[in-house]
Amino acid sequence: MGNSEFRVTLENRAKEINGILEKYLPVEEGRQKTVIEAMNYSVRAGGKRLRPILMWEAFLMCGGREEERESVEPFLAAIEMIHTYSLVHDDLPAMDNDEYRRGRKTTWSVYGEAMGILAGDGLLNYAFETAAKSFLRCPSQEHMGRAAAAFVTLSRKAGIYGMIGGQTADIEAEGQSAPLSEEQLLFIHEHKTAALIQAAMTVGAILAGAGQEQIDALEKCGYNVGIAFQIQDDILDVTGDSAELGKPVGSDAQNGKQTYVTWKGLEQAREDVTALSDEAVRILDGFTGEHSFLKELILSLIHRTK
C-alpha cells in the first residue's frame, strides 16, 4: 500500500468512526445537560480514532464480515469513549494540569474542574452502556457469547488490571526518588499505554470468532505496539522538533522524569523500537486475512515523528 493510498484510507476510516460516534453520543438535554455537553465536547475534540480503527481492522483480518458491523459498532464507539475519558482525567489539575489539548481548551478548563471529573466519569460509564448495546444486535447465540467475552476483555484492559493500574504505578513513580527498575517501567508502559491497544486488537478478534491462538498473538502484537509507541514518545521528547510535535521537547528531562531513554540510552531505545516493530509485523504476517492497511497503520504509529 502506497503512502498516499494509506493516508486516504486512514482519513476515510477516521471519518467512518466519527460518524459512528455521532450515532451513539448522548442527547444534550435534561437536568444533566451540562455534563452531557462536556462529554460530547471531549469526544468531538478530534483525534486520530486509532483504537476503534485497530479494532475494526483486526475484526476484518480475523474473518469478520462487513454485514456484521452493526453488532461491532457499539464496541468501536465504546473504546474511543474510554480513551477520551482517560485524556479528560489526565488533563485535570490533580494529574497533568493541562489547559490545552490539540489546540483546544481542555474539558475541565472550559466546564470547571468538578464538571471535568464528572464528564470523565460519565464517558467511562456511558462507554459500557454503549458496548452493552451489542448484545441487542447479535444475530445468534454464538455472537452473543463473543460479545460477552469482548465485554469482559474491554473492561479488564481499561481497569485496575490495565490502564488504571498503569496510571496508578506512573503516579507513584513520580514521587519516587530511587531510579525505576526495568520491571516498574515496563509495567507502566504495558498497562498505561499498551492495554487499550491490546484491547482494540483482541476485542476485534474475539468479535470475529477468532481462536485463542489468534487472540493471544494479537495481544502480543498489541503489547509490542504499545511499548514501542511509548519508547518512541520518549525518544521524540529528546530528539523531536517542537513545531512538528506541537509541544515543547525536553520536558521529561526538565521535569526529572525517568523514561526508557534515560534508563537505556538513545541508541538502545531506537534498537528496541525496531525489534518490537519487526516482531509486531511478523505476528501480523502470520495471519491469512487481509492486513496490509493494518500493518501500515501499526508501523506509522511506532515510527511517527510527532
C-alpha atoms as a PDB file:
ATOM      1  CA  MET A   1       0.000   0.000   0.000  1.00  0.00           C
ATOM      2  CA  GLY A   2       1.476   3.351  -1.112  1.00  0.00           C
ATOM      3  CA  ASN A   3       1.816   6.221   1.338  1.00  0.00           C
ATOM      4  CA  SER A   4      -0.854   8.392  -0.307  1.00  0.00           C
ATOM      5  CA  GLU A   5      -3.269   5.456  -0.525  1.00  0.00           C
ATOM      6  CA  PHE A   6      -2.646   4.703   3.146  1.00  0.00           C
ATOM      7  CA  ARG A   7      -3.299   8.331   4.155  1.00  0.00           C
ATOM      8  CA  VAL A   8      -6.576   8.440   2.220  1.00  0.00           C
ATOM      9  CA  THR A   9      -7.713   5.124   3.736  1.00  0.00           C
ATOM     10  CA  LEU A  10      -6.800   6.310   7.226  1.00  0.00           C
ATOM     11  CA  GLU A  11      -8.730   9.536   6.721  1.00  0.00           C
ATOM     12  CA  ASN A  12     -11.770   7.629   5.478  1.00  0.00           C
ATOM     13  CA  ARG A  13     -11.635   5.215   8.410  1.00  0.00           C
ATOM     14  CA  ALA A  14     -11.463   8.138  10.871  1.00  0.00           C
ATOM     15  CA  LYS A  15     -14.492   9.753   9.200  1.00  0.00           C
ATOM     16  CA  GLU A  16     -16.395   6.466   9.492  1.00  0.00           C
ATOM     17  CA  ILE A  17     -15.579   6.271  13.209  1.00  0.00           C
ATOM     18  CA  ASN A  18     -16.654   9.883  13.716  1.00  0.00           C
ATOM     19  CA  GLY A  19     -19.968   9.020  12.080  1.00  0.00           C
ATOM     20  CA  ILE A  20     -20.396   6.025  14.392  1.00  0.00           C
ATOM     21  CA  LEU A  21     -19.569   8.149  17.458  1.00  0.00           C
ATOM     22  CA  GLU A  22     -22.194  10.727  16.474  1.00  0.00           C
ATOM     23  CA  LYS A  23     -24.800   7.943  16.370  1.00  0.00           C
ATOM     24  CA  TYR A  24     -24.032   6.952  19.955  1.00  0.00           C
ATOM     25  CA  LEU A  25     -23.296  10.251  21.726  1.00  0.00           C
ATOM     26  CA  PRO A  26     -25.976  11.189  24.266  1.00  0.00           C
ATOM     27  CA  VAL A  27     -28.526  13.921  23.518  1.00  0.00           C
ATOM     28  CA  GLU A  28     -27.779  17.208  25.310  1.00  0.00           C
ATOM     29  CA  GLU A  29     -30.975  17.629  27.304  1.00  0.00           C
ATOM     30  CA  GLY A  30     -32.447  17.301  30.792  1.00  0.00           C
ATOM     31  CA  ARG A  31     -31.091  18.448  34.156  1.00  0.00           C
ATOM     32  CA  GLN A  32     -27.840  16.602  33.408  1.00  0.00           C
ATOM     33  CA  LYS A  33     -27.397  18.573  30.164  1.00  0.00           C
ATOM     34  CA  THR A  34     -24.156  20.288  31.248  1.00  0.00           C
ATOM     35  CA  VAL A  35     -22.250  17.082  31.903  1.00  0.00           C
ATOM     36  CA  ILE A  36     -23.502  15.634  28.601  1.00  0.00           C
ATOM     37  CA  GLU A  37     -22.316  18.778  26.798  1.00  0.00           C
ATOM     38  CA  ALA A  38     -18.906  18.360  28.453  1.00  0.00           C
ATOM     39  CA  MET A  39     -18.772  14.670  27.447  1.00  0.00           C
ATOM     40  CA  ASN A  40     -19.637  15.439  23.835  1.00  0.00           C
ATOM     41  CA  TYR A  41     -17.191  18.377  23.744  1.00  0.00           C
ATOM     42  CA  SER A  42     -14.451  15.956  24.830  1.00  0.00           C
ATOM     43  CA  VAL A  43     -15.239  13.313  22.203  1.00  0.00           C
ATOM     44  CA  ARG A  44     -15.610  15.893  19.433  1.00  0.00           C
ATOM     45  CA  ALA A  45     -12.241  17.495  20.248  1.00  0.00           C
ATOM     46  CA  GLY A  46     -10.705  15.396  17.480  1.00  0.00           C
ATOM     47  CA  GLY A  47      -8.055  12.726  17.438  1.00  0.00           C
ATOM     48  CA  LYS A  48      -6.995  10.027  15.001  1.00  0.00           C
ATOM     49  CA  ARG A  49      -9.540   7.428  16.273  1.00  0.00           C
ATOM     50  CA  LEU A  50      -6.733   4.856  16.169  1.00  0.00           C
ATOM     51  CA  ARG A  51      -8.132   2.395  18.708  1.00  0.00           C
ATOM     52  CA  PRO A  52     -11.502   1.835  17.023  1.00  0.00           C
ATOM     53  CA  ILE A  53      -9.730   1.646  13.649  1.00  0.00           C
ATOM     54  CA  LEU A  54      -7.362  -1.021  15.024  1.00  0.00           C
ATOM     55  CA  MET A  55     -10.372  -2.918  16.394  1.00  0.00           C
ATOM     56  CA  TRP A  56     -12.228  -2.859  13.077  1.00  0.00           C
ATOM     57  CA  GLU A  57      -9.163  -3.894  11.055  1.00  0.00           C
ATOM     58  CA  ALA A  58      -8.416  -6.780  13.458  1.00  0.00           C
ATOM     59  CA  PHE A  59     -12.061  -7.846  13.159  1.00  0.00           C
ATOM     60  CA  LEU A  60     -11.848  -7.956   9.344  1.00  0.00           C
ATOM     61  CA  MET A  61      -8.434  -9.670   9.351  1.00  0.00           C
ATOM     62  CA  CYS A  62      -9.779 -12.442  11.589  1.00  0.00           C
ATOM     63  CA  GLY A  63     -12.694 -13.194   9.275  1.00  0.00           C
ATOM     64  CA  GLY A  64     -15.316 -10.727  10.458  1.00  0.00           C
ATOM     65  CA  ARG A  65     -17.756  -9.602   7.783  1.00  0.00           C
ATOM     66  CA  GLU A  66     -18.855  -6.096   6.814  1.00  0.00           C
ATOM     67  CA  GLU A  67     -22.513  -7.095   7.284  1.00  0.00           C
ATOM     68  CA  GLU A  68     -21.813  -7.771  10.985  1.00  0.00           C
ATOM     69  CA  ARG A  69     -20.794  -4.138  11.515  1.00  0.00           C
ATOM     70  CA  GLU A  70     -23.966  -3.257  13.452  1.00  0.00           C
ATOM     71  CA  SER A  71     -23.048  -5.568  16.335  1.00  0.00           C
ATOM     72  CA  VAL A  72     -19.405  -4.351  16.313  1.00  0.00           C
ATOM     73  CA  GLU A  73     -20.135  -0.610  16.188  1.00  0.00           C
ATOM     74  CA  PRO A  74     -21.023  -0.291  19.903  1.00  0.00           C
ATOM     75  CA  PHE A  75     -17.545  -1.571  20.792  1.00  0.00           C
ATOM     76  CA  LEU A  76     -15.885   0.788  18.289  1.00  0.00           C
ATOM     77  CA  ALA A  77     -17.637   3.745  19.929  1.00  0.00           C
ATOM     78  CA  ALA A  78     -17.001   2.444  23.445  1.00  0.00           C
ATOM     79  CA  ILE A  79     -13.220   2.136  23.166  1.00  0.00           C
ATOM     80  CA  GLU A  80     -12.930   5.697  21.848  1.00  0.00           C
ATOM     81  CA  MET A  81     -15.082   6.943  24.740  1.00  0.00           C
ATOM     82  CA  ILE A  82     -12.806   5.128  27.206  1.00  0.00           C
ATOM     83  CA  HIS A  83      -9.696   6.614  25.574  1.00  0.00           C
ATOM     84  CA  THR A  84     -11.293  10.078  25.656  1.00  0.00           C
ATOM     85  CA  TYR A  85     -12.271   9.813  29.327  1.00  0.00           C
ATOM     86  CA  SER A  86      -8.673   8.912  30.186  1.00  0.00           C
ATOM     87  CA  LEU A  87      -7.458  12.080  28.436  1.00  0.00           C
ATOM     88  CA  VAL A  88     -10.103  14.214  30.196  1.00  0.00           C
ATOM     89  CA  HIS A  89      -8.893  12.946  33.574  1.00  0.00           C
ATOM     90  CA  ASP A  90      -5.195  13.178  32.578  1.00  0.00           C
ATOM     91  CA  ASP A  91      -5.681  16.892  31.895  1.00  0.00           C
ATOM     92  CA  LEU A  92      -7.147  17.635  35.342  1.00  0.00           C
ATOM     93  CA  PRO A  93      -5.209  19.881  37.778  1.00  0.00           C
ATOM     94  CA  ALA A  94      -4.567  16.911  40.089  1.00  0.00           C
ATOM     95  CA  MET A  95      -2.983  14.971  37.221  1.00  0.00           C
ATOM     96  CA  ASP A  96      -1.133  16.815  34.398  1.00  0.00           C
ATOM     97  CA  ASN A  97      -2.851  20.196  34.859  1.00  0.00           C
ATOM     98  CA  ASP A  98      -3.147  20.887  31.116  1.00  0.00           C
ATOM     99  CA  GLU A  99      -5.354  23.685  29.808  1.00  0.00           C
ATOM    100  CA  TYR A 100      -4.959  22.863  26.117  1.00  0.00           C
ATOM    101  CA  ARG A 101      -5.131  19.662  24.082  1.00  0.00           C
ATOM    102  CA  ARG A 102      -5.000  19.516  20.266  1.00  0.00           C
ATOM    103  CA  GLY A 103      -5.187  23.307  20.135  1.00  0.00           C
ATOM    104  CA  ARG A 104      -8.443  23.486  22.111  1.00  0.00           C
ATOM    105  CA  LYS A 105      -9.159  24.257  25.737  1.00  0.00           C
ATOM    106  CA  THR A 106      -9.332  21.059  27.774  1.00  0.00           C
ATOM    107  CA  THR A 107     -12.666  19.927  29.181  1.00  0.00           C
ATOM    108  CA  TRP A 108     -12.029  20.986  32.778  1.00  0.00           C
ATOM    109  CA  SER A 109     -10.735  24.407  31.703  1.00  0.00           C
ATOM    110  CA  VAL A 110     -13.992  25.039  29.791  1.00  0.00           C
ATOM    111  CA  TYR A 111     -16.515  23.489  32.185  1.00  0.00           C
ATOM    112  CA  GLY A 112     -14.678  23.679  35.512  1.00  0.00           C
ATOM    113  CA  GLU A 113     -12.753  21.037  37.431  1.00  0.00           C
ATOM    114  CA  ALA A 114     -15.786  19.353  39.049  1.00  0.00           C
ATOM    115  CA  MET A 115     -17.585  19.047  35.713  1.00  0.00           C
ATOM    116  CA  GLY A 116     -14.370  17.768  34.127  1.00  0.00           C
ATOM    117  CA  ILE A 117     -14.273  14.954  36.674  1.00  0.00           C
ATOM    118  CA  LEU A 118     -17.937  14.167  36.064  1.00  0.00           C
ATOM    119  CA  ALA A 119     -17.509  14.278  32.273  1.00  0.00           C
ATOM    120  CA  GLY A 120     -14.744  11.659  32.533  1.00  0.00           C
ATOM    121  CA  ASP A 121     -16.872   9.555  34.868  1.00  0.00           C
ATOM    122  CA  GLY A 122     -19.820   9.948  32.520  1.00  0.00           C
ATOM    123  CA  LEU A 123     -17.838   8.859  29.466  1.00  0.00           C
ATOM    124  CA  LEU A 124     -16.475   5.777  31.215  1.00  0.00           C
ATOM    125  CA  ASN A 125     -19.934   4.660  32.355  1.00  0.00           C
ATOM    126  CA  TYR A 126     -21.528   5.564  29.033  1.00  0.00           C
ATOM    127  CA  ALA A 127     -18.841   3.596  27.169  1.00  0.00           C
ATOM    128  CA  PHE A 128     -20.006   0.374  28.792  1.00  0.00           C
ATOM    129  CA  GLU A 129     -23.658   1.300  28.372  1.00  0.00           C
ATOM    130  CA  THR A 130     -22.826   1.715  24.678  1.00  0.00           C
ATOM    131  CA  ALA A 131     -20.832  -1.533  24.392  1.00  0.00           C
ATOM    132  CA  ALA A 132     -23.725  -3.415  26.017  1.00  0.00           C
ATOM    133  CA  LYS A 133     -25.951  -2.429  23.079  1.00  0.00           C
ATOM    134  CA  SER A 134     -24.025  -5.002  21.058  1.00  0.00           C
ATOM    135  CA  PHE A 135     -25.933  -7.732  22.933  1.00  0.00           C
ATOM    136  CA  LEU A 136     -29.194  -6.445  21.456  1.00  0.00           C
ATOM    137  CA  ARG A 137     -27.813  -6.708  17.936  1.00  0.00           C
ATOM    138  CA  CYS A 138     -26.157 -10.111  17.955  1.00  0.00           C
ATOM    139  CA  PRO A 139     -27.534 -12.285  15.118  1.00  0.00           C
ATOM    140  CA  SER A 140     -27.050 -15.580  17.015  1.00  0.00           C
ATOM    141  CA  GLN A 141     -26.286 -17.172  20.370  1.00  0.00           C
ATOM    142  CA  GLU A 142     -22.706 -17.693  19.214  1.00  0.00           C
ATOM    143  CA  HIS A 143     -22.320 -13.977  18.510  1.00  0.00           C
ATOM    144  CA  MET A 144     -23.815 -13.246  21.928  1.00  0.00           C
ATOM    145  CA  GLY A 145     -21.037 -15.315  23.522  1.00  0.00           C
ATOM    146  CA  ARG A 146     -18.422 -13.417  21.533  1.00  0.00           C
ATOM    147  CA  ALA A 147     -19.881 -10.077  22.647  1.00  0.00           C
ATOM    148  CA  ALA A 148     -19.803 -11.211  26.298  1.00  0.00           C
ATOM    149  CA  ALA A 149     -16.135 -12.251  26.031  1.00  0.00           C
ATOM    150  CA  ALA A 150     -15.300  -8.961  24.280  1.00  0.00           C
ATOM    151  CA  PHE A 151     -17.084  -7.003  27.029  1.00  0.00           C
ATOM    152  CA  VAL A 152     -15.013  -8.734  29.729  1.00  0.00           C
ATOM    153  CA  THR A 153     -11.753  -8.099  27.835  1.00  0.00           C
ATOM    154  CA  LEU A 154     -12.534  -4.415  27.284  1.00  0.00           C
ATOM    155  CA  SER A 155     -13.482  -3.962  30.959  1.00  0.00           C
ATOM    156  CA  ARG A 156     -10.307  -5.600  32.223  1.00  0.00           C
ATOM    157  CA  LYS A 157      -7.915  -3.754  29.906  1.00  0.00           C
ATOM    158  CA  ALA A 158      -9.469  -0.398  30.846  1.00  0.00           C
ATOM    159  CA  GLY A 159      -9.498  -1.051  34.587  1.00  0.00           C
ATOM    160  CA  ILE A 160      -7.255  -1.786  37.554  1.00  0.00           C
ATOM    161  CA  TYR A 161      -5.578  -4.690  35.743  1.00  0.00           C
ATOM    162  CA  GLY A 162      -4.989  -2.487  32.683  1.00  0.00           C
ATOM    163  CA  MET A 163      -4.900   1.254  32.049  1.00  0.00           C
ATOM    164  CA  ILE A 164      -5.884   2.435  35.545  1.00  0.00           C
ATOM    165  CA  GLY A 165      -3.320   0.089  37.058  1.00  0.00           C
ATOM    166  CA  GLY A 166      -0.647   1.617  34.820  1.00  0.00           C
ATOM    167  CA  GLN A 167      -1.694   5.159  35.708  1.00  0.00           C
ATOM    168  CA  THR A 168      -1.509   4.266  39.404  1.00  0.00           C
ATOM    169  CA  ALA A 169       2.053   2.946  39.048  1.00  0.00           C
ATOM    170  CA  ASP A 170       3.019   6.019  36.999  1.00  0.00           C
ATOM    171  CA  ILE A 171       1.752   8.471  39.620  1.00  0.00           C
ATOM    172  CA  GLU A 172       3.528   6.598  42.409  1.00  0.00           C
ATOM    173  CA  ALA A 173       6.752   6.512  40.361  1.00  0.00           C
ATOM    174  CA  GLU A 174       6.720  10.310  40.018  1.00  0.00           C
ATOM    175  CA  GLY A 175       7.104  10.641  43.773  1.00  0.00           C
ATOM    176  CA  GLN A 176       9.873   8.060  43.927  1.00  0.00           C
ATOM    177  CA  SER A 177      13.439   9.299  44.351  1.00  0.00           C
ATOM    178  CA  ALA A 178      15.129   5.961  43.584  1.00  0.00           C
ATOM    179  CA  PRO A 179      15.635   5.027  39.902  1.00  0.00           C
ATOM    180  CA  LEU A 180      12.839   2.985  38.349  1.00  0.00           C
ATOM    181  CA  SER A 181      13.572  -0.672  37.766  1.00  0.00           C
ATOM    182  CA  GLU A 182      13.098  -2.284  34.354  1.00  0.00           C
ATOM    183  CA  GLU A 183      10.091  -4.160  35.741  1.00  0.00           C
ATOM    184  CA  GLN A 184       8.454  -0.942  37.003  1.00  0.00           C
ATOM    185  CA  LEU A 185       8.996   0.957  33.771  1.00  0.00           C
ATOM    186  CA  LEU A 186       7.689  -1.832  31.559  1.00  0.00           C
ATOM    187  CA  PHE A 187       4.701  -2.359  33.879  1.00  0.00           C
ATOM    188  CA  ILE A 188       3.763   1.309  33.464  1.00  0.00           C
ATOM    189  CA  HIS A 189       4.168   1.239  29.679  1.00  0.00           C
ATOM    190  CA  GLU A 190       2.349  -2.083  29.280  1.00  0.00           C
ATOM    191  CA  HIS A 191      -0.636  -1.087  31.394  1.00  0.00           C
ATOM    192  CA  LYS A 192      -0.904   2.656  30.822  1.00  0.00           C
ATOM    193  CA  THR A 193      -0.217   2.662  27.063  1.00  0.00           C
ATOM    194  CA  ALA A 194      -0.377  -0.844  25.607  1.00  0.00           C
ATOM    195  CA  ALA A 195      -3.501  -2.112  27.402  1.00  0.00           C
ATOM    196  CA  LEU A 196      -6.055  -0.204  25.298  1.00  0.00           C
ATOM    197  CA  ILE A 197      -4.183  -1.087  22.091  1.00  0.00           C
ATOM    198  CA  GLN A 198      -4.299  -4.738  23.158  1.00  0.00           C
ATOM    199  CA  ALA A 199      -7.997  -4.317  23.940  1.00  0.00           C
ATOM    200  CA  ALA A 200      -8.677  -2.876  20.497  1.00  0.00           C
ATOM    201  CA  MET A 201      -6.970  -5.708  18.644  1.00  0.00           C
ATOM    202  CA  THR A 202      -8.163  -8.609  20.802  1.00  0.00           C
ATOM    203  CA  VAL A 203     -11.771  -7.389  21.040  1.00  0.00           C
ATOM    204  CA  GLY A 204     -11.823  -7.149  17.240  1.00  0.00           C
ATOM    205  CA  ALA A 205     -10.539 -10.723  17.008  1.00  0.00           C
ATOM    206  CA  ILE A 206     -12.991 -12.036  19.620  1.00  0.00           C
ATOM    207  CA  LEU A 207     -15.973 -10.442  17.863  1.00  0.00           C
ATOM    208  CA  ALA A 208     -14.856 -12.067  14.600  1.00  0.00           C
ATOM    209  CA  GLY A 209     -14.843 -15.508  16.234  1.00  0.00           C
ATOM    210  CA  ALA A 210     -11.047 -15.955  16.232  1.00  0.00           C
ATOM    211  CA  GLY A 211      -9.475 -18.871  18.103  1.00  0.00           C
ATOM    212  CA  GLN A 212      -7.480 -18.433  21.296  1.00  0.00           C
ATOM    213  CA  GLU A 213      -4.157 -18.758  19.464  1.00  0.00           C
ATOM    214  CA  GLN A 214      -5.007 -15.814  17.209  1.00  0.00           C
ATOM    215  CA  ILE A 215      -6.305 -13.751  20.140  1.00  0.00           C
ATOM    216  CA  ASP A 216      -3.094 -14.419  22.086  1.00  0.00           C
ATOM    217  CA  ALA A 217      -0.997 -13.467  19.043  1.00  0.00           C
ATOM    218  CA  LEU A 218      -2.808 -10.132  18.724  1.00  0.00           C
ATOM    219  CA  GLU A 219      -2.417  -9.476  22.443  1.00  0.00           C
ATOM    220  CA  LYS A 220       1.339  -9.893  21.999  1.00  0.00           C
ATOM    221  CA  CYS A 221       1.260  -7.699  18.885  1.00  0.00           C
ATOM    222  CA  GLY A 222      -0.650  -5.022  20.828  1.00  0.00           C
ATOM    223  CA  TYR A 223       1.925  -5.231  23.628  1.00  0.00           C
ATOM    224  CA  ASN A 224       4.773  -4.640  21.164  1.00  0.00           C
ATOM    225  CA  VAL A 225       2.964  -1.748  19.504  1.00  0.00           C
ATOM    226  CA  GLY A 226       2.149  -0.101  22.844  1.00  0.00           C
ATOM    227  CA  ILE A 227       5.664  -0.443  24.274  1.00  0.00           C
ATOM    228  CA  ALA A 228       7.290   0.716  21.025  1.00  0.00           C
ATOM    229  CA  PHE A 229       4.846   3.643  20.824  1.00  0.00           C
ATOM    230  CA  GLN A 230       5.818   4.783  24.320  1.00  0.00           C
ATOM    231  CA  ILE A 231       9.552   4.348  23.735  1.00  0.00           C
ATOM    232  CA  GLN A 232       9.206   6.408  20.541  1.00  0.00           C
ATOM    233  CA  ASP A 233       7.413   9.062  22.593  1.00  0.00           C
ATOM    234  CA  ASP A 234      10.398   9.158  24.964  1.00  0.00           C
ATOM    235  CA  ILE A 235      12.804   9.360  22.003  1.00  0.00           C
ATOM    236  CA  LEU A 236      10.874  12.236  20.423  1.00  0.00           C
ATOM    237  CA  ASP A 237      10.992  14.159  23.692  1.00  0.00           C
ATOM    238  CA  VAL A 238      14.777  14.160  23.299  1.00  0.00           C
ATOM    239  CA  THR A 239      15.202  14.423  19.523  1.00  0.00           C
ATOM    240  CA  GLY A 240      11.920  15.786  18.157  1.00  0.00           C
ATOM    241  CA  ASP A 241      11.147  19.138  16.618  1.00  0.00           C
ATOM    242  CA  SER A 242       8.878  21.330  18.756  1.00  0.00           C
ATOM    243  CA  ALA A 243       6.966  22.702  15.757  1.00  0.00           C
ATOM    244  CA  GLU A 244       6.305  19.232  14.337  1.00  0.00           C
ATOM    245  CA  LEU A 245       5.438  17.693  17.695  1.00  0.00           C
ATOM    246  CA  GLY A 246       3.158  20.545  18.665  1.00  0.00           C
ATOM    247  CA  LYS A 247       4.644  20.646  22.179  1.00  0.00           C
ATOM    248  CA  PRO A 248       7.963  21.583  23.800  1.00  0.00           C
ATOM    249  CA  VAL A 249      10.695  18.956  23.628  1.00  0.00           C
ATOM    250  CA  GLY A 250      12.900  18.091  26.572  1.00  0.00           C
ATOM    251  CA  SER A 251      10.012  18.310  29.044  1.00  0.00           C
ATOM    252  CA  ASP A 252      10.797  14.868  30.513  1.00  0.00           C
ATOM    253  CA  ALA A 253      14.379  15.847  31.371  1.00  0.00           C
ATOM    254  CA  GLN A 254      13.241  19.239  32.654  1.00  0.00           C
ATOM    255  CA  ASN A 255      10.734  17.577  34.976  1.00  0.00           C
ATOM    256  CA  GLY A 256      13.258  14.978  36.103  1.00  0.00           C
ATOM    257  CA  LYS A 257      11.066  12.198  34.714  1.00  0.00           C
ATOM    258  CA  GLN A 258      12.610   8.757  34.342  1.00  0.00           C
ATOM    259  CA  THR A 259      11.971   7.367  30.868  1.00  0.00           C
ATOM    260  CA  TYR A 260      13.062   4.470  28.692  1.00  0.00           C
ATOM    261  CA  VAL A 261      15.710   6.748  27.139  1.00  0.00           C
ATOM    262  CA  THR A 262      17.173   7.834  30.494  1.00  0.00           C
ATOM    263  CA  TRP A 263      17.227   4.172  31.519  1.00  0.00           C
ATOM    264  CA  LYS A 264      18.692   2.555  28.368  1.00  0.00           C
ATOM    265  CA  GLY A 265      20.115   5.423  26.341  1.00  0.00           C
ATOM    266  CA  LEU A 266      19.008   6.790  22.974  1.00  0.00           C
ATOM    267  CA  GLU A 267      20.733   4.236  20.744  1.00  0.00           C
ATOM    268  CA  GLN A 268      19.436   1.186  22.614  1.00  0.00           C
ATOM    269  CA  ALA A 269      15.950   2.718  22.766  1.00  0.00           C
ATOM    270  CA  ARG A 270      15.959   3.069  18.968  1.00  0.00           C
ATOM    271  CA  GLU A 271      17.149  -0.513  18.537  1.00  0.00           C
ATOM    272  CA  ASP A 272      14.396  -1.758  20.847  1.00  0.00           C
ATOM    273  CA  VAL A 273      11.731   0.150  18.882  1.00  0.00           C
ATOM    274  CA  THR A 274      12.954  -1.561  15.701  1.00  0.00           C
ATOM    275  CA  ALA A 275      12.973  -5.014  17.317  1.00  0.00           C
ATOM    276  CA  LEU A 276       9.463  -4.594  18.770  1.00  0.00           C
ATOM    277  CA  SER A 277       8.209  -3.249  15.443  1.00  0.00           C
ATOM    278  CA  ASP A 278       9.704  -6.130  13.459  1.00  0.00           C
ATOM    279  CA  GLU A 279       8.138  -8.701  15.773  1.00  0.00           C
ATOM    280  CA  ALA A 280       4.728  -6.996  15.581  1.00  0.00           C
ATOM    281  CA  VAL A 281       4.881  -7.174  11.776  1.00  0.00           C
ATOM    282  CA  ARG A 282       5.917 -10.850  11.868  1.00  0.00           C
ATOM    283  CA  ILE A 283       2.897 -11.616  14.059  1.00  0.00           C
ATOM    284  CA  LEU A 284       0.541  -9.898  11.621  1.00  0.00           C
ATOM    285  CA  ASP A 285       2.132 -11.685   8.673  1.00  0.00           C
ATOM    286  CA  GLY A 286       1.175 -14.960  10.370  1.00  0.00           C
ATOM    287  CA  PHE A 287      -2.487 -14.151   9.632  1.00  0.00           C
ATOM    288  CA  THR A 288      -4.001 -15.150   6.297  1.00  0.00           C
ATOM    289  CA  GLY A 289      -6.638 -12.390   6.351  1.00  0.00           C
ATOM    290  CA  GLU A 290      -6.009  -9.075   4.559  1.00  0.00           C
ATOM    291  CA  HIS A 291      -3.879  -6.850   6.781  1.00  0.00           C
ATOM    292  CA  SER A 292      -1.801  -4.530   4.574  1.00  0.00           C
ATOM    293  CA  PHE A 293      -3.541  -1.400   5.896  1.00  0.00           C
ATOM    294  CA  LEU A 294      -3.344  -2.645   9.493  1.00  0.00           C
ATOM    295  CA  LYS A 295       0.384  -3.272   9.077  1.00  0.00           C
ATOM    296  CA  GLU A 296       0.954   0.226   7.670  1.00  0.00           C
ATOM    297  CA  LEU A 297      -1.097   1.727  10.496  1.00  0.00           C
ATOM    298  CA  ILE A 298       0.967  -0.031  13.160  1.00  0.00           C
ATOM    299  CA  LEU A 299       4.259   0.996  11.521  1.00  0.00           C
ATOM    300  CA  SER A 300       3.087   4.614  11.228  1.00  0.00           C
ATOM    301  CA  LEU A 301       2.186   4.611  14.935  1.00  0.00           C
ATOM    302  CA  ILE A 302       5.513   3.179  16.043  1.00  0.00           C
ATOM    303  CA  HIS A 303       7.758   5.225  13.763  1.00  0.00           C
ATOM    304  CA  ARG A 304       5.878   8.515  13.948  1.00  0.00           C
ATOM    305  CA  THR A 305       7.751  11.828  14.181  1.00  0.00           C
ATOM    306  CA  LYS A 306       5.008  13.706  16.015  1.00  0.00           C
END
